[in-house]
Amino acid sequence: MTRARLASVVLAVLLVTVAAIGHRLSATISDVELVRAPLDRATAYDGGHVLVTDVRVGTEVQQGTDTLTTTGLLVVVHVAVQATGRDRVAVTSARLRAEDGVTYLPALGGATSVRAEAGFEDARDLVFEVDPARIDDLTLELWDQGLVYRYYQRTQTPLGITAANARRWVEAGAGRPVTVSSAHVTTALP
């Protein structure tokens, strides 16, 4: 293959890649299938299942030898992804949304990915720092947002924190330490 032909092929591949990335970055909410995933119930997601459990609150998170302290409130949620089929199932992005549109991102530097290989479950705790005055109807959203595909599923799990009980959640977390594991827990599915 001549140099000119090789350069043409490389340029063509580069242009297609740039176009695919540009197309992906222009995704709108209509490109998302919203999946209601009730708390404590495995829900079909991306060829497998996702399970959100164990909502805990505190003002301090201990992860190994590291400690994260806040004057606000820390919300810890346990997320498990089950690859029940032949393909890997992944969650790579997460956020908490409150009733008034406030969005909270994970507090521990991007520690959000949960990936299960076929036949396995992968689980971890996700930590969010929130404003205690703005936690009504907190909903956890999880999804796997790839670079080159546009259509994906996004789960929504209401955490049970409502306007009626938000104050009790804040009081329960005040001055309370919460221990989270820094490791993923991987187990084989039956």
Protein backbone atom coordinates (compact mmCIF):
# COMPACT_ATOMS: atom_id res chain seq x y z
CA MET A 1 0.00 0.00 0.00
CA THR A 2 1.39 3.40 -0.94
CA ARG A 3 1.85 6.17 1.58
CA ALA A 4 -0.85 8.32 -0.04
CA ARG A 5 -3.38 5.49 0.09
CA LEU A 6 -2.50 4.69 3.72
CA ALA A 7 -2.89 8.36 4.65
CA SER A 8 -6.29 8.42 2.92
CA VAL A 9 -7.48 5.39 4.86
CA VAL A 10 -6.27 6.81 8.18
CA LEU A 11 -7.93 10.15 7.42
CA ALA A 12 -11.21 8.45 6.49
CA VAL A 13 -11.23 6.45 9.74
CA LEU A 14 -10.43 9.59 11.72
CA LEU A 15 -13.26 11.56 10.05
CA VAL A 16 -15.79 8.79 10.69
CA THR A 17 -14.71 8.63 14.35
CA VAL A 18 -15.00 12.40 14.79
CA ALA A 19 -18.44 12.38 13.15
CA ALA A 20 -19.63 9.55 15.42
CA ILE A 21 -18.41 11.35 18.53
CA GLY A 22 -20.07 14.60 17.41
CA HIS A 23 -23.28 12.75 16.72
CA ARG A 24 -23.14 11.10 20.17
CA LEU A 25 -22.52 14.39 21.98
CA SER A 26 -25.63 15.88 20.41
CA ALA A 27 -27.92 13.27 22.04
CA THR A 28 -31.15 14.52 23.53
CA ILE A 29 -33.38 13.07 26.22
CA SER A 30 -35.54 11.57 23.45
CA ASP A 31 -32.63 9.23 22.71
CA VAL A 32 -33.06 7.70 26.17
CA GLU A 33 -35.47 4.99 27.29
CA LEU A 34 -36.42 5.83 30.88
CA VAL A 35 -36.83 2.67 32.96
CA ARG A 36 -38.58 2.83 36.34
CA ALA A 37 -36.49 0.73 38.74
CA PRO A 38 -38.17 0.48 42.17
CA LEU A 39 -35.97 0.38 45.25
CA ASP A 40 -35.10 -3.16 46.42
CA ARG A 41 -36.35 -4.82 43.21
CA ALA A 42 -34.20 -6.18 40.37
CA THR A 43 -35.30 -4.46 37.17
CA ALA A 44 -34.54 -5.40 33.55
CA TYR A 45 -31.78 -3.17 32.20
CA ASP A 46 -29.57 -3.40 29.10
CA GLY A 47 -29.84 -7.18 28.68
CA GLY A 48 -29.47 -7.88 32.41
CA HIS A 49 -30.75 -6.39 35.66
CA VAL A 50 -29.99 -3.49 37.97
CA LEU A 51 -30.80 -3.53 41.70
CA VAL A 52 -30.70 -0.44 43.95
CA THR A 53 -30.80 -1.08 47.72
CA ASP A 54 -29.59 0.07 51.12
CA VAL A 55 -30.06 3.86 51.18
CA ARG A 56 -27.99 5.31 54.05
CA VAL A 57 -27.32 8.87 55.19
CA GLY A 58 -24.63 10.53 57.29
CA THR A 59 -22.30 13.49 57.53
CA GLU A 60 -19.13 11.42 57.28
CA VAL A 61 -18.14 8.59 54.97
CA GLN A 62 -15.29 6.27 55.86
CA GLN A 63 -13.78 4.35 52.96
CA GLY A 64 -10.74 2.39 54.06
CA THR A 65 -8.33 4.96 55.51
CA ASP A 66 -10.02 7.88 53.71
CA THR A 67 -12.71 10.03 55.30
CA LEU A 68 -15.10 12.46 53.60
CA THR A 69 -16.89 14.90 55.91
CA THR A 70 -19.57 17.42 55.00
CA THR A 71 -21.65 20.13 56.63
CA GLY A 72 -24.45 18.97 54.34
CA LEU A 73 -25.60 15.38 54.02
CA LEU A 74 -24.04 12.32 52.39
CA VAL A 75 -26.37 9.83 50.73
CA VAL A 76 -24.97 6.33 50.12
CA VAL A 77 -26.78 3.91 47.81
CA HIS A 78 -25.85 0.31 47.03
CA VAL A 79 -26.03 -0.56 43.31
CA ALA A 80 -25.77 -4.05 41.83
CA VAL A 81 -25.62 -4.89 38.12
CA GLN A 82 -26.42 -8.44 37.01
CA ALA A 83 -25.37 -9.78 33.60
CA THR A 84 -27.98 -12.52 33.22
CA GLY A 85 -27.42 -12.99 29.49
CA ARG A 86 -24.35 -13.55 27.32
CA ASP A 87 -23.14 -9.93 27.28
CA ARG A 88 -21.52 -7.64 29.81
CA VAL A 89 -23.88 -5.15 31.51
CA ALA A 90 -22.56 -1.81 32.75
CA VAL A 91 -23.50 1.37 34.55
CA THR A 92 -20.91 4.09 33.95
CA SER A 93 -22.82 7.23 34.93
CA ALA A 94 -24.94 8.14 37.95
CA ARG A 95 -26.64 11.16 39.45
CA LEU A 96 -29.23 12.07 42.05
CA ARG A 97 -32.07 14.39 41.08
CA ALA A 98 -34.30 16.28 43.50
CA GLU A 99 -37.86 17.45 42.91
CA ASP A 100 -36.90 21.02 42.00
CA GLY A 101 -34.45 19.93 39.28
CA VAL A 102 -31.30 20.04 41.43
CA THR A 103 -28.76 17.44 40.29
CA TYR A 104 -26.07 15.89 42.49
CA LEU A 105 -23.08 14.04 41.04
CA PRO A 106 -21.06 11.36 42.86
CA ALA A 107 -18.88 12.76 45.65
CA LEU A 108 -15.98 10.34 45.38
CA GLY A 109 -14.26 11.38 42.18
CA GLY A 110 -16.10 9.49 39.49
CA ALA A 111 -16.43 6.22 41.39
CA THR A 112 -19.62 5.25 39.56
CA SER A 113 -18.88 2.39 37.20
CA VAL A 114 -20.43 -0.96 37.97
CA ARG A 115 -19.71 -3.61 35.31
CA ALA A 116 -20.75 -7.24 35.40
CA GLU A 117 -19.43 -9.86 33.00
CA ALA A 118 -21.83 -12.49 31.66
CA GLY A 119 -23.01 -14.76 34.47
CA PHE A 120 -21.91 -12.44 37.27
CA GLU A 121 -23.16 -9.64 39.51
CA ASP A 122 -21.00 -6.61 40.33
CA ALA A 123 -21.96 -4.30 43.19
CA ARG A 124 -20.66 -1.17 44.92
CA ASP A 125 -21.73 1.76 47.04
CA LEU A 126 -22.24 5.14 45.38
CA VAL A 127 -21.79 8.28 47.52
CA PHE A 128 -23.44 11.66 46.88
CA GLU A 129 -23.04 14.92 48.81
CA VAL A 130 -26.38 16.75 48.93
CA ASP A 131 -27.91 19.93 50.32
CA PRO A 132 -30.15 18.80 53.22
CA ALA A 133 -32.65 21.54 52.36
CA ARG A 134 -33.06 20.19 48.81
CA ILE A 135 -33.62 16.45 48.98
CA ASP A 136 -37.36 16.10 48.35
CA ASP A 137 -38.10 13.16 46.05
CA LEU A 138 -34.47 12.19 45.50
CA THR A 139 -34.25 9.88 42.50
CA LEU A 140 -31.16 7.92 41.49
CA GLU A 141 -30.51 7.79 37.75
CA LEU A 142 -28.11 5.19 36.31
CA TRP A 143 -26.99 4.61 32.74
CA ASP A 144 -24.17 3.45 30.49
CA GLN A 145 -23.40 6.31 28.17
CA GLY A 146 -21.07 5.09 25.47
CA LEU A 147 -19.15 7.28 23.06
CA VAL A 148 -20.45 6.01 19.75
CA TYR A 149 -24.03 4.94 20.36
CA ARG A 150 -26.95 7.29 20.91
CA TYR A 151 -29.80 5.21 22.28
CA TYR A 152 -29.50 3.86 25.79
CA GLN A 153 -31.56 3.01 28.85
CA ARG A 154 -31.56 5.22 31.94
CA THR A 155 -32.99 3.80 35.16
CA GLN A 156 -34.79 6.01 37.67
CA THR A 157 -35.09 4.83 41.27
CA PRO A 158 -36.95 6.98 43.82
CA LEU A 159 -35.07 6.62 47.13
CA GLY A 160 -38.10 7.14 49.37
CA ILE A 161 -37.03 10.60 50.60
CA THR A 162 -40.11 12.80 50.20
CA ALA A 163 -41.18 16.26 51.35
CA ALA A 164 -43.10 14.57 54.18
CA ASN A 165 -40.10 12.66 55.60
CA ALA A 166 -37.04 14.65 54.43
CA ARG A 167 -36.53 16.26 57.83
CA ARG A 168 -36.37 12.83 59.51
CA TRP A 169 -33.74 11.69 56.98
CA VAL A 170 -31.62 14.79 57.70
CA GLU A 171 -31.93 14.26 61.47
CA ALA A 172 -31.03 10.57 61.10
CA GLY A 173 -27.84 11.45 59.22
CA ALA A 174 -26.67 14.31 61.46
CA GLY A 175 -23.28 13.46 63.00
CA ARG A 176 -23.49 9.88 61.76
CA PRO A 177 -20.54 8.11 60.09
CA VAL A 178 -21.26 5.69 57.24
CA THR A 179 -18.74 3.04 56.20
CA VAL A 180 -18.50 2.16 52.52
CA SER A 181 -16.35 -0.40 50.79
CA SER A 182 -13.90 0.86 48.19
CA ALA A 183 -14.00 -2.47 46.38
CA HIS A 184 -16.48 -3.88 43.94
CA VAL A 185 -18.11 -7.10 45.11
CA THR A 186 -18.38 -9.61 42.29
CA THR A 187 -20.36 -12.81 42.70
CA ALA A 188 -21.45 -15.57 40.32
CA LEU A 189 -25.14 -15.70 39.49
CA PRO A 190 -26.98 -18.97 40.26
